[in-house]
Amino acid sequence: MELSTLQLQRQQRQQLQQRQQQLLQPQRQQRQQQQQRRRQQQRQRQQQQQQQPPPPQQQQPQRRQRQRQQQQQRRQHPRQVQQQRRHHQQVQQPPQLKDPVRTIFIHRTSAC
């Protein structure tokens, strides 16, 4: 669970920064710069996750590692492909198997 709360906090912080930056930009440039910013943030997020030392109370490092790789693969795909794939995964999976990280991603794409 603490992984997902960490990610949520990081997201909220970034969304705040995005909003502040958007206020300063003329509308025409907004869309391009948003996309660039999103790509940069994804890259940063991947680096942060790789650099983050595992917390001491981590009991299944391998499972978390696998989750992390899944996320990165998912992030590197174009946005629409992501959404379609996520949709299929959701349908195929009974709710108990849904990991908290994946639900966060769904919320983020619908919020953007």
PDB file of N, CA and C in Angstrom:
ATOM      1  N   MET A   1       0.811  -1.231   0.000  1.00  0.00           N
ATOM      2  CA  MET A   1       0.000   0.000   0.000  1.00  0.00           C
ATOM      3  C   MET A   1       0.848   1.287   0.000  1.00  0.00           C
ATOM      4  N   GLU A   2       1.992   1.272   0.774  1.00  0.00           N
ATOM      5  CA  GLU A   2       2.699   2.553   0.859  1.00  0.00           C
ATOM      6  C   GLU A   2       3.264   2.998  -0.487  1.00  0.00           C
ATOM      7  N   LEU A   3       3.471   2.042  -1.392  1.00  0.00           N
ATOM      8  CA  LEU A   3       3.942   2.426  -2.728  1.00  0.00           C
ATOM      9  C   LEU A   3       2.894   3.286  -3.437  1.00  0.00           C
ATOM     10  N   SER A   4       1.649   2.848  -3.362  1.00  0.00           N
ATOM     11  CA  SER A   4       0.607   3.571  -4.104  1.00  0.00           C
ATOM     12  C   SER A   4       0.362   4.958  -3.493  1.00  0.00           C
ATOM     13  N   THR A   5       0.446   5.084  -2.162  1.00  0.00           N
ATOM     14  CA  THR A   5       0.242   6.423  -1.574  1.00  0.00           C
ATOM     15  C   THR A   5       1.392   7.353  -1.981  1.00  0.00           C
ATOM     16  N   LEU A   6       2.599   6.797  -2.032  1.00  0.00           N
ATOM     17  CA  LEU A   6       3.746   7.579  -2.497  1.00  0.00           C
ATOM     18  C   LEU A   6       3.489   8.113  -3.902  1.00  0.00           C
ATOM     19  N   GLN A   7       3.043   7.224  -4.763  1.00  0.00           N
ATOM     20  CA  GLN A   7       2.797   7.636  -6.152  1.00  0.00           C
ATOM     21  C   GLN A   7       1.698   8.686  -6.225  1.00  0.00           C
ATOM     22  N   LEU A   8       0.654   8.481  -5.446  1.00  0.00           N
ATOM     23  CA  LEU A   8      -0.455   9.442  -5.447  1.00  0.00           C
ATOM     24  C   LEU A   8       0.055  10.833  -5.064  1.00  0.00           C
ATOM     25  N   GLN A   9       0.844  10.886  -3.998  1.00  0.00           N
ATOM     26  CA  GLN A   9       1.359  12.183  -3.550  1.00  0.00           C
ATOM     27  C   GLN A   9       2.212  12.819  -4.644  1.00  0.00           C
ATOM     28  N   ARG A  10       3.042  12.000  -5.292  1.00  0.00           N
ATOM     29  CA  ARG A  10       3.911  12.535  -6.325  1.00  0.00           C
ATOM     30  C   ARG A  10       3.067  13.090  -7.471  1.00  0.00           C
ATOM     31  N   GLN A  11       2.014  12.337  -7.838  1.00  0.00           N
ATOM     32  CA  GLN A  11       1.135  12.785  -8.910  1.00  0.00           C
ATOM     33  C   GLN A  11       0.476  14.113  -8.580  1.00  0.00           C
ATOM     34  N   GLN A  12      -0.061  14.192  -7.355  1.00  0.00           N
ATOM     35  CA  GLN A  12      -0.762  15.418  -6.979  1.00  0.00           C
ATOM     36  C   GLN A  12       0.187  16.604  -7.047  1.00  0.00           C
ATOM     37  N   ARG A  13       1.405  16.386  -6.583  1.00  0.00           N
ATOM     38  CA  ARG A  13       2.381  17.466  -6.626  1.00  0.00           C
ATOM     39  C   ARG A  13       2.627  17.896  -8.073  1.00  0.00           C
ATOM     40  N   GLN A  14       2.774  16.916  -8.963  1.00  0.00           N
ATOM     41  CA  GLN A  14       3.052  17.246 -10.357  1.00  0.00           C
ATOM     42  C   GLN A  14       1.860  17.915 -11.030  1.00  0.00           C
ATOM     43  N   GLN A  15       0.662  17.457 -10.686  1.00  0.00           N
ATOM     44  CA  GLN A  15      -0.511  18.081 -11.285  1.00  0.00           C
ATOM     45  C   GLN A  15      -0.621  19.540 -10.844  1.00  0.00           C
ATOM     46  N   LEU A  16      -0.295  19.795  -9.588  1.00  0.00           N
ATOM     47  CA  LEU A  16      -0.289  21.175  -9.096  1.00  0.00           C
ATOM     48  C   LEU A  16       0.693  22.020  -9.914  1.00  0.00           C
ATOM     49  N   GLN A  17       1.908  21.498 -10.060  1.00  0.00           N
ATOM     50  CA  GLN A  17       2.912  22.234 -10.839  1.00  0.00           C
ATOM     51  C   GLN A  17       2.412  22.480 -12.254  1.00  0.00           C
ATOM     52  N   GLN A  18       1.814  21.456 -12.843  1.00  0.00           N
ATOM     53  CA  GLN A  18       1.287  21.610 -14.202  1.00  0.00           C
ATOM     54  C   GLN A  18       0.300  22.765 -14.264  1.00  0.00           C
ATOM     55  N   ARG A  19      -0.626  22.773 -13.313  1.00  0.00           N
ATOM     56  CA  ARG A  19      -1.658  23.811 -13.333  1.00  0.00           C
ATOM     57  C   ARG A  19      -1.024  25.206 -13.218  1.00  0.00           C
ATOM     58  N   GLN A  20      -0.041  25.324 -12.326  1.00  0.00           N
ATOM     59  CA  GLN A  20       0.599  26.626 -12.162  1.00  0.00           C
ATOM     60  C   GLN A  20       1.299  27.046 -13.447  1.00  0.00           C
ATOM     61  N   GLN A  21       1.974  26.091 -14.085  1.00  0.00           N
ATOM     62  CA  GLN A  21       2.677  26.428 -15.320  1.00  0.00           C
ATOM     63  C   GLN A  21       1.687  26.794 -16.420  1.00  0.00           C
ATOM     64  N   GLN A  22       0.560  26.101 -16.456  1.00  0.00           N
ATOM     65  CA  GLN A  22      -0.430  26.377 -17.491  1.00  0.00           C
ATOM     66  C   GLN A  22      -0.964  27.808 -17.391  1.00  0.00           C
ATOM     67  N   LEU A  23      -1.115  28.278 -16.171  1.00  0.00           N
ATOM     68  CA  LEU A  23      -1.637  29.635 -15.996  1.00  0.00           C
ATOM     69  C   LEU A  23      -0.708  30.672 -16.638  1.00  0.00           C
ATOM     70  N   LEU A  24       0.574  30.354 -16.651  1.00  0.00           N
ATOM     71  CA  LEU A  24       1.529  31.326 -17.178  1.00  0.00           C
ATOM     72  C   LEU A  24       1.675  31.256 -18.697  1.00  0.00           C
ATOM     73  N   GLN A  25       1.119  30.203 -19.310  1.00  0.00           N
ATOM     74  CA  GLN A  25       1.365  30.026 -20.746  1.00  0.00           C
ATOM     75  C   GLN A  25       0.202  30.508 -21.594  1.00  0.00           C
ATOM     76  N   PRO A  26       0.498  31.099 -22.761  1.00  0.00           N
ATOM     77  CA  PRO A  26      -0.562  31.391 -23.727  1.00  0.00           C
ATOM     78  C   PRO A  26      -1.188  30.086 -24.222  1.00  0.00           C
ATOM     79  N   GLN A  27      -2.469  30.139 -24.561  1.00  0.00           N
ATOM     80  CA  GLN A  27      -3.203  28.906 -24.853  1.00  0.00           C
ATOM     81  C   GLN A  27      -2.667  28.129 -26.048  1.00  0.00           C
ATOM     82  N   ARG A  28      -2.170  28.807 -27.057  1.00  0.00           N
ATOM     83  CA  ARG A  28      -1.761  28.110 -28.267  1.00  0.00           C
ATOM     84  C   ARG A  28      -0.656  27.095 -27.975  1.00  0.00           C
ATOM     85  N   GLN A  29       0.304  27.499 -27.151  1.00  0.00           N
ATOM     86  CA  GLN A  29       1.442  26.616 -26.870  1.00  0.00           C
ATOM     87  C   GLN A  29       1.076  25.517 -25.878  1.00  0.00           C
ATOM     88  N   GLN A  30      -0.003  25.723 -25.189  1.00  0.00           N
ATOM     89  CA  GLN A  30      -0.311  24.833 -24.076  1.00  0.00           C
ATOM     90  C   GLN A  30      -0.251  23.358 -24.430  1.00  0.00           C
ATOM     91  N   ARG A  31      -0.940  22.994 -25.505  1.00  0.00           N
ATOM     92  CA  ARG A  31      -1.086  21.564 -25.759  1.00  0.00           C
ATOM     93  C   ARG A  31       0.264  20.904 -26.023  1.00  0.00           C
ATOM     94  N   GLN A  32       1.083  21.522 -26.857  1.00  0.00           N
ATOM     95  CA  GLN A  32       2.414  20.961 -27.143  1.00  0.00           C
ATOM     96  C   GLN A  32       3.228  20.823 -25.868  1.00  0.00           C
ATOM     97  N   GLN A  33       3.248  21.885 -25.097  1.00  0.00           N
ATOM     98  CA  GLN A  33       4.089  21.855 -23.909  1.00  0.00           C
ATOM     99  C   GLN A  33       3.563  20.849 -22.891  1.00  0.00           C
ATOM    100  N   GLN A  34       2.249  20.709 -22.837  1.00  0.00           N
ATOM    101  CA  GLN A  34       1.695  19.691 -21.941  1.00  0.00           C
ATOM    102  C   GLN A  34       2.240  18.324 -22.311  1.00  0.00           C
ATOM    103  N   GLN A  35       2.224  18.018 -23.600  1.00  0.00           N
ATOM    104  CA  GLN A  35       2.691  16.702 -24.023  1.00  0.00           C
ATOM    105  C   GLN A  35       4.173  16.527 -23.697  1.00  0.00           C
ATOM    106  N   GLN A  36       4.950  17.551 -23.977  1.00  0.00           N
ATOM    107  CA  GLN A  36       6.370  17.462 -23.652  1.00  0.00           C
ATOM    108  C   GLN A  36       6.561  17.247 -22.158  1.00  0.00           C
ATOM    109  N   ARG A  37       5.808  18.024 -21.377  1.00  0.00           N
ATOM    110  CA  ARG A  37       5.954  17.914 -19.933  1.00  0.00           C
ATOM    111  C   ARG A  37       5.576  16.514 -19.475  1.00  0.00           C
ATOM    112  N   ARG A  38       4.523  15.983 -20.095  1.00  0.00           N
ATOM    113  CA  ARG A  38       4.083  14.653 -19.684  1.00  0.00           C
ATOM    114  C   ARG A  38       5.183  13.642 -19.968  1.00  0.00           C
ATOM    115  N   ARG A  39       5.822  13.783 -21.134  1.00  0.00           N
ATOM    116  CA  ARG A  39       6.889  12.835 -21.468  1.00  0.00           C
ATOM    117  C   ARG A  39       8.050  12.978 -20.494  1.00  0.00           C
ATOM    118  N   GLN A  40       8.416  14.203 -20.185  1.00  0.00           N
ATOM    119  CA  GLN A  40       9.511  14.422 -19.234  1.00  0.00           C
ATOM    120  C   GLN A  40       9.169  13.808 -17.882  1.00  0.00           C
ATOM    121  N   GLN A  41       7.942  14.028 -17.442  1.00  0.00           N
ATOM    122  CA  GLN A  41       7.559  13.514 -16.133  1.00  0.00           C
ATOM    123  C   GLN A  41       7.591  11.998 -16.117  1.00  0.00           C
ATOM    124  N   GLN A  42       7.164  11.386 -17.218  1.00  0.00           N
ATOM    125  CA  GLN A  42       7.214   9.932 -17.265  1.00  0.00           C
ATOM    126  C   GLN A  42       8.653   9.464 -17.144  1.00  0.00           C
ATOM    127  N   ARG A  43       9.536  10.158 -17.869  1.00  0.00           N
ATOM    128  CA  ARG A  43      10.941   9.766 -17.789  1.00  0.00           C
ATOM    129  C   ARG A  43      11.453   9.936 -16.364  1.00  0.00           C
ATOM    130  N   GLN A  44      11.139  11.063 -15.752  1.00  0.00           N
ATOM    131  CA  GLN A  44      11.573  11.314 -14.374  1.00  0.00           C
ATOM    132  C   GLN A  44      11.020  10.245 -13.439  1.00  0.00           C
ATOM    133  N   ARG A  45       9.747   9.930 -13.640  1.00  0.00           N
ATOM    134  CA  ARG A  45       9.113   8.977 -12.744  1.00  0.00           C
ATOM    135  C   ARG A  45       9.802   7.618 -12.855  1.00  0.00           C
ATOM    136  N   GLN A  46      10.162   7.225 -14.064  1.00  0.00           N
ATOM    137  CA  GLN A  46      10.849   5.950 -14.234  1.00  0.00           C
ATOM    138  C   GLN A  46      12.195   5.982 -13.520  1.00  0.00           C
ATOM    139  N   GLN A  47      12.919   7.079 -13.694  1.00  0.00           N
ATOM    140  CA  GLN A  47      14.222   7.181 -13.043  1.00  0.00           C
ATOM    141  C   GLN A  47      14.074   7.150 -11.524  1.00  0.00           C
ATOM    142  N   GLN A  48      13.112   7.892 -11.029  1.00  0.00           N
ATOM    143  CA  GLN A  48      12.906   7.936  -9.585  1.00  0.00           C
ATOM    144  C   GLN A  48      12.631   6.539  -9.054  1.00  0.00           C
ATOM    145  N   GLN A  49      11.795   5.808  -9.786  1.00  0.00           N
ATOM    146  CA  GLN A  49      11.451   4.480  -9.291  1.00  0.00           C
ATOM    147  C   GLN A  49      12.665   3.556  -9.298  1.00  0.00           C
ATOM    148  N   GLN A  50      13.513   3.705 -10.311  1.00  0.00           N
ATOM    149  CA  GLN A  50      14.687   2.843 -10.352  1.00  0.00           C
ATOM    150  C   GLN A  50      15.678   3.218  -9.253  1.00  0.00           C
ATOM    151  N   GLN A  51      15.755   4.517  -8.950  1.00  0.00           N
ATOM    152  CA  GLN A  51      16.723   4.959  -7.951  1.00  0.00           C
ATOM    153  C   GLN A  51      16.237   4.743  -6.521  1.00  0.00           C
ATOM    154  N   GLN A  52      14.929   4.704  -6.350  1.00  0.00           N
ATOM    155  CA  GLN A  52      14.392   4.586  -4.988  1.00  0.00           C
ATOM    156  C   GLN A  52      14.888   3.307  -4.317  1.00  0.00           C
ATOM    157  N   PRO A  53      15.573   3.418  -3.180  1.00  0.00           N
ATOM    158  CA  PRO A  53      15.936   2.201  -2.459  1.00  0.00           C
ATOM    159  C   PRO A  53      14.657   1.562  -1.903  1.00  0.00           C
ATOM    160  N   PRO A  54      14.570   0.242  -1.881  1.00  0.00           N
ATOM    161  CA  PRO A  54      13.355  -0.381  -1.363  1.00  0.00           C
ATOM    162  C   PRO A  54      13.196  -0.071   0.128  1.00  0.00           C
ATOM    163  N   PRO A  55      11.998   0.229   0.587  1.00  0.00           N
ATOM    164  CA  PRO A  55      11.782   0.499   2.009  1.00  0.00           C
ATOM    165  C   PRO A  55      12.090  -0.741   2.853  1.00  0.00           C
ATOM    166  N   PRO A  56      12.552  -0.553   4.082  1.00  0.00           N
ATOM    167  CA  PRO A  56      12.987  -1.680   4.906  1.00  0.00           C
ATOM    168  C   PRO A  56      11.885  -2.712   5.175  1.00  0.00           C
ATOM    169  N   GLN A  57      10.616  -2.267   5.260  1.00  0.00           N
ATOM    170  CA  GLN A  57       9.567  -3.225   5.606  1.00  0.00           C
ATOM    171  C   GLN A  57       9.073  -4.025   4.410  1.00  0.00           C
ATOM    172  N   GLN A  58       9.796  -3.920   3.309  1.00  0.00           N
ATOM    173  CA  GLN A  58       9.400  -4.643   2.094  1.00  0.00           C
ATOM    174  C   GLN A  58       9.658  -6.138   2.257  1.00  0.00           C
ATOM    175  N   GLN A  59       8.603  -6.930   2.127  1.00  0.00           N
ATOM    176  CA  GLN A  59       8.781  -8.368   2.326  1.00  0.00           C
ATOM    177  C   GLN A  59       8.819  -9.137   1.014  1.00  0.00           C
ATOM    178  N   GLN A  60       8.191  -8.576  -0.054  1.00  0.00           N
ATOM    179  CA  GLN A  60       8.252  -9.289  -1.326  1.00  0.00           C
ATOM    180  C   GLN A  60       8.877  -8.367  -2.374  1.00  0.00           C
ATOM    181  N   PRO A  61      10.194  -8.212  -2.337  1.00  0.00           N
ATOM    182  CA  PRO A  61      10.826  -7.301  -3.298  1.00  0.00           C
ATOM    183  C   PRO A  61      10.553  -7.713  -4.748  1.00  0.00           C
ATOM    184  N   GLN A  62      10.499  -9.030  -4.993  1.00  0.00           N
ATOM    185  CA  GLN A  62      10.331  -9.480  -6.381  1.00  0.00           C
ATOM    186  C   GLN A  62       8.990  -9.082  -6.954  1.00  0.00           C
ATOM    187  N   ARG A  63       7.925  -9.199  -6.156  1.00  0.00           N
ATOM    188  CA  ARG A  63       6.614  -8.861  -6.676  1.00  0.00           C
ATOM    189  C   ARG A  63       6.574  -7.376  -7.037  1.00  0.00           C
ATOM    190  N   ARG A  64       7.130  -6.565  -6.150  1.00  0.00           N
ATOM    191  CA  ARG A  64       7.100  -5.134  -6.396  1.00  0.00           C
ATOM    192  C   ARG A  64       7.939  -4.779  -7.621  1.00  0.00           C
ATOM    193  N   GLN A  65       9.058  -5.457  -7.782  1.00  0.00           N
ATOM    194  CA  GLN A  65       9.913  -5.222  -8.938  1.00  0.00           C
ATOM    195  C   GLN A  65       9.135  -5.514 -10.216  1.00  0.00           C
ATOM    196  N   ARG A  66       8.394  -6.629 -10.200  1.00  0.00           N
ATOM    197  CA  ARG A  66       7.647  -7.006 -11.385  1.00  0.00           C
ATOM    198  C   ARG A  66       6.592  -5.940 -11.688  1.00  0.00           C
ATOM    199  N   GLN A  67       5.916  -5.466 -10.660  1.00  0.00           N
ATOM    200  CA  GLN A  67       4.906  -4.412 -10.843  1.00  0.00           C
ATOM    201  C   GLN A  67       5.551  -3.185 -11.483  1.00  0.00           C
ATOM    202  N   ARG A  68       6.720  -2.859 -10.989  1.00  0.00           N
ATOM    203  CA  ARG A  68       7.386  -1.654 -11.448  1.00  0.00           C
ATOM    204  C   ARG A  68       7.691  -1.774 -12.940  1.00  0.00           C
ATOM    205  N   GLN A  69       8.166  -2.952 -13.359  1.00  0.00           N
ATOM    206  CA  GLN A  69       8.487  -3.133 -14.780  1.00  0.00           C
ATOM    207  C   GLN A  69       7.225  -3.043 -15.626  1.00  0.00           C
ATOM    208  N   GLN A  70       6.151  -3.645 -15.143  1.00  0.00           N
ATOM    209  CA  GLN A  70       4.882  -3.570 -15.863  1.00  0.00           C
ATOM    210  C   GLN A  70       4.487  -2.111 -16.081  1.00  0.00           C
ATOM    211  N   GLN A  71       4.573  -1.330 -15.014  1.00  0.00           N
ATOM    212  CA  GLN A  71       4.187   0.078 -15.118  1.00  0.00           C
ATOM    213  C   GLN A  71       5.020   0.775 -16.190  1.00  0.00           C
ATOM    214  N   GLN A  72       6.315   0.510 -16.178  1.00  0.00           N
ATOM    215  CA  GLN A  72       7.175   1.222 -17.113  1.00  0.00           C
ATOM    216  C   GLN A  72       6.838   0.843 -18.547  1.00  0.00           C
ATOM    217  N   GLN A  73       6.594  -0.449 -18.779  1.00  0.00           N
ATOM    218  CA  GLN A  73       6.216  -0.852 -20.133  1.00  0.00           C
ATOM    219  C   GLN A  73       4.927  -0.144 -20.524  1.00  0.00           C
ATOM    220  N   ARG A  74       3.984  -0.116 -19.600  1.00  0.00           N
ATOM    221  CA  ARG A  74       2.699   0.480 -19.895  1.00  0.00           C
ATOM    222  C   ARG A  74       2.884   1.973 -20.214  1.00  0.00           C
ATOM    223  N   ARG A  75       3.786   2.631 -19.476  1.00  0.00           N
ATOM    224  CA  ARG A  75       3.969   4.066 -19.659  1.00  0.00           C
ATOM    225  C   ARG A  75       4.594   4.405 -21.005  1.00  0.00           C
ATOM    226  N   GLN A  76       5.452   3.499 -21.497  1.00  0.00           N
ATOM    227  CA  GLN A  76       6.176   3.843 -22.708  1.00  0.00           C
ATOM    228  C   GLN A  76       5.293   3.771 -23.948  1.00  0.00           C
ATOM    229  N   HIS A  77       4.155   3.101 -23.845  1.00  0.00           N
ATOM    230  CA  HIS A  77       3.242   3.042 -24.983  1.00  0.00           C
ATOM    231  C   HIS A  77       2.515   4.374 -25.155  1.00  0.00           C
ATOM    232  N   PRO A  78       2.069   4.655 -26.376  1.00  0.00           N
ATOM    233  CA  PRO A  78       1.249   5.848 -26.593  1.00  0.00           C
ATOM    234  C   PRO A  78      -0.010   5.783 -25.736  1.00  0.00           C
ATOM    235  N   ARG A  79      -0.555   6.963 -25.439  1.00  0.00           N
ATOM    236  CA  ARG A  79      -1.620   7.060 -24.466  1.00  0.00           C
ATOM    237  C   ARG A  79      -2.858   6.231 -24.829  1.00  0.00           C
ATOM    238  N   GLN A  80      -3.274   6.256 -26.109  1.00  0.00           N
ATOM    239  CA  GLN A  80      -4.495   5.557 -26.474  1.00  0.00           C
ATOM    240  C   GLN A  80      -4.332   4.055 -26.342  1.00  0.00           C
ATOM    241  N   VAL A  81      -3.204   3.555 -26.783  1.00  0.00           N
ATOM    242  CA  VAL A  81      -2.943   2.121 -26.652  1.00  0.00           C
ATOM    243  C   VAL A  81      -3.028   1.744 -25.183  1.00  0.00           C
ATOM    244  N   GLN A  82      -2.438   2.566 -24.338  1.00  0.00           N
ATOM    245  CA  GLN A  82      -2.503   2.331 -22.895  1.00  0.00           C
ATOM    246  C   GLN A  82      -3.942   2.156 -22.440  1.00  0.00           C
ATOM    247  N   GLN A  83      -4.769   3.104 -22.830  1.00  0.00           N
ATOM    248  CA  GLN A  83      -6.141   3.084 -22.340  1.00  0.00           C
ATOM    249  C   GLN A  83      -6.858   1.826 -22.802  1.00  0.00           C
ATOM    250  N   GLN A  84      -6.682   1.467 -24.082  1.00  0.00           N
ATOM    251  CA  GLN A  84      -7.333   0.260 -24.580  1.00  0.00           C
ATOM    252  C   GLN A  84      -6.846  -0.954 -23.808  1.00  0.00           C
ATOM    253  N   ARG A  85      -5.543  -1.074 -23.670  1.00  0.00           N
ATOM    254  CA  ARG A  85      -5.013  -2.249 -22.990  1.00  0.00           C
ATOM    255  C   ARG A  85      -5.525  -2.318 -21.568  1.00  0.00           C
ATOM    256  N   ARG A  86      -5.559  -1.168 -20.908  1.00  0.00           N
ATOM    257  CA  ARG A  86      -5.998  -1.154 -19.529  1.00  0.00           C
ATOM    258  C   ARG A  86      -7.454  -1.584 -19.440  1.00  0.00           C
ATOM    259  N   HIS A  87      -8.194  -1.166 -20.435  1.00  0.00           N
ATOM    260  CA  HIS A  87      -9.604  -1.503 -20.438  1.00  0.00           C
ATOM    261  C   HIS A  87      -9.787  -3.018 -20.513  1.00  0.00           C
ATOM    262  N   HIS A  88      -9.036  -3.654 -21.392  1.00  0.00           N
ATOM    263  CA  HIS A  88      -9.138  -5.104 -21.516  1.00  0.00           C
ATOM    264  C   HIS A  88      -8.744  -5.775 -20.211  1.00  0.00           C
ATOM    265  N   GLN A  89      -7.673  -5.319 -19.632  1.00  0.00           N
ATOM    266  CA  GLN A  89      -7.198  -5.922 -18.390  1.00  0.00           C
ATOM    267  C   GLN A  89      -8.285  -5.845 -17.328  1.00  0.00           C
ATOM    268  N   GLN A  90      -8.920  -4.692 -17.267  1.00  0.00           N
ATOM    269  CA  GLN A  90      -9.953  -4.503 -16.262  1.00  0.00           C
ATOM    270  C   GLN A  90     -11.084  -5.504 -16.449  1.00  0.00           C
ATOM    271  N   VAL A  91     -11.496  -5.687 -17.709  1.00  0.00           N
ATOM    272  CA  VAL A  91     -12.623  -6.568 -17.988  1.00  0.00           C
ATOM    273  C   VAL A  91     -12.263  -8.000 -17.625  1.00  0.00           C
ATOM    274  N   GLN A  92     -11.057  -8.416 -17.983  1.00  0.00           N
ATOM    275  CA  GLN A  92     -10.677  -9.808 -17.774  1.00  0.00           C
ATOM    276  C   GLN A  92     -10.458 -10.137 -16.300  1.00  0.00           C
ATOM    277  N   GLN A  93     -10.110  -9.153 -15.530  1.00  0.00           N
ATOM    278  CA  GLN A  93      -9.713  -9.433 -14.149  1.00  0.00           C
ATOM    279  C   GLN A  93     -10.868  -9.292 -13.170  1.00  0.00           C
ATOM    280  N   PRO A  94     -11.072 -10.289 -12.317  1.00  0.00           N
ATOM    281  CA  PRO A  94     -11.980 -10.100 -11.184  1.00  0.00           C
ATOM    282  C   PRO A  94     -11.407  -9.021 -10.261  1.00  0.00           C
ATOM    283  N   PRO A  95     -12.260  -8.260  -9.588  1.00  0.00           N
ATOM    284  CA  PRO A  95     -11.808  -7.076  -8.847  1.00  0.00           C
ATOM    285  C   PRO A  95     -10.755  -7.371  -7.775  1.00  0.00           C
ATOM    286  N   GLN A  96     -10.775  -8.577  -7.178  1.00  0.00           N
ATOM    287  CA  GLN A  96      -9.825  -8.847  -6.089  1.00  0.00           C
ATOM    288  C   GLN A  96      -8.389  -8.809  -6.597  1.00  0.00           C
ATOM    289  N   LEU A  97      -8.191  -9.134  -7.888  1.00  0.00           N
ATOM    290  CA  LEU A  97      -6.825  -9.216  -8.406  1.00  0.00           C
ATOM    291  C   LEU A  97      -6.277  -7.857  -8.812  1.00  0.00           C
ATOM    292  N   LYS A  98      -7.119  -6.861  -8.848  1.00  0.00           N
ATOM    293  CA  LYS A  98      -6.670  -5.561  -9.333  1.00  0.00           C
ATOM    294  C   LYS A  98      -5.707  -4.943  -8.316  1.00  0.00           C
ATOM    295  N   ASP A  99      -4.498  -4.641  -8.758  1.00  0.00           N
ATOM    296  CA  ASP A  99      -3.549  -4.055  -7.804  1.00  0.00           C
ATOM    297  C   ASP A  99      -3.803  -2.547  -7.714  1.00  0.00           C
ATOM    298  N   PRO A 100      -3.531  -1.951  -6.543  1.00  0.00           N
ATOM    299  CA  PRO A 100      -3.862  -0.539  -6.316  1.00  0.00           C
ATOM    300  C   PRO A 100      -3.197   0.371  -7.348  1.00  0.00           C
ATOM    301  N   VAL A 101      -2.001  -0.012  -7.794  1.00  0.00           N
ATOM    302  CA  VAL A 101      -1.277   0.839  -8.729  1.00  0.00           C
ATOM    303  C   VAL A 101      -2.067   1.016 -10.017  1.00  0.00           C
ATOM    304  N   ARG A 102      -2.653  -0.076 -10.503  1.00  0.00           N
ATOM    305  CA  ARG A 102      -3.351   0.011 -11.776  1.00  0.00           C
ATOM    306  C   ARG A 102      -4.571   0.924 -11.656  1.00  0.00           C
ATOM    307  N   THR A 103      -5.275   0.856 -10.543  1.00  0.00           N
ATOM    308  CA  THR A 103      -6.457   1.715 -10.416  1.00  0.00           C
ATOM    309  C   THR A 103      -6.040   3.185 -10.394  1.00  0.00           C
ATOM    310  N   ILE A 104      -4.898   3.477  -9.804  1.00  0.00           N
ATOM    311  CA  ILE A 104      -4.420   4.857  -9.792  1.00  0.00           C
ATOM    312  C   ILE A 104      -4.207   5.358 -11.219  1.00  0.00           C
ATOM    313  N   PHE A 105      -3.617   4.511 -12.069  1.00  0.00           N
ATOM    314  CA  PHE A 105      -3.382   4.931 -13.436  1.00  0.00           C
ATOM    315  C   PHE A 105      -4.688   5.221 -14.154  1.00  0.00           C
ATOM    316  N   ILE A 106      -5.696   4.408 -13.911  1.00  0.00           N
ATOM    317  CA  ILE A 106      -6.982   4.629 -14.560  1.00  0.00           C
ATOM    318  C   ILE A 106      -7.539   5.984 -14.131  1.00  0.00           C
ATOM    319  N   HIS A 107      -7.469   6.270 -12.838  1.00  0.00           N
ATOM    320  CA  HIS A 107      -7.977   7.558 -12.360  1.00  0.00           C
ATOM    321  C   HIS A 107      -7.233   8.705 -13.016  1.00  0.00           C
ATOM    322  N   ARG A 108      -5.912   8.533 -13.148  1.00  0.00           N
ATOM    323  CA  ARG A 108      -5.151   9.651 -13.649  1.00  0.00           C
ATOM    324  C   ARG A 108      -5.556   9.956 -15.089  1.00  0.00           C
ATOM    325  N   THR A 109      -5.721   8.902 -15.921  1.00  0.00           N
ATOM    326  CA  THR A 109      -6.021   9.198 -17.315  1.00  0.00           C
ATOM    327  C   THR A 109      -7.400   9.821 -17.449  1.00  0.00           C
ATOM    328  N   SER A 110      -8.343   9.410 -16.621  1.00  0.00           N
ATOM    329  CA  SER A 110      -9.679   9.997 -16.752  1.00  0.00           C
ATOM    330  C   SER A 110      -9.680  11.440 -16.206  1.00  0.00           C
ATOM    331  N   ALA A 111      -8.808  11.719 -15.252  1.00  0.00           N
ATOM    332  CA  ALA A 111      -8.773  13.069 -14.666  1.00  0.00           C
ATOM    333  C   ALA A 111      -8.132  14.077 -15.626  1.00  0.00           C
ATOM    334  N   CYS A 112      -7.141  13.632 -16.398  1.00  0.00           N
ATOM    335  CA  CYS A 112      -6.399  14.555 -17.283  1.00  0.00           C
ATOM    336  C   CYS A 112      -7.313  15.200 -18.312  1.00  0.00           C
TER     337      CYS A 112
END
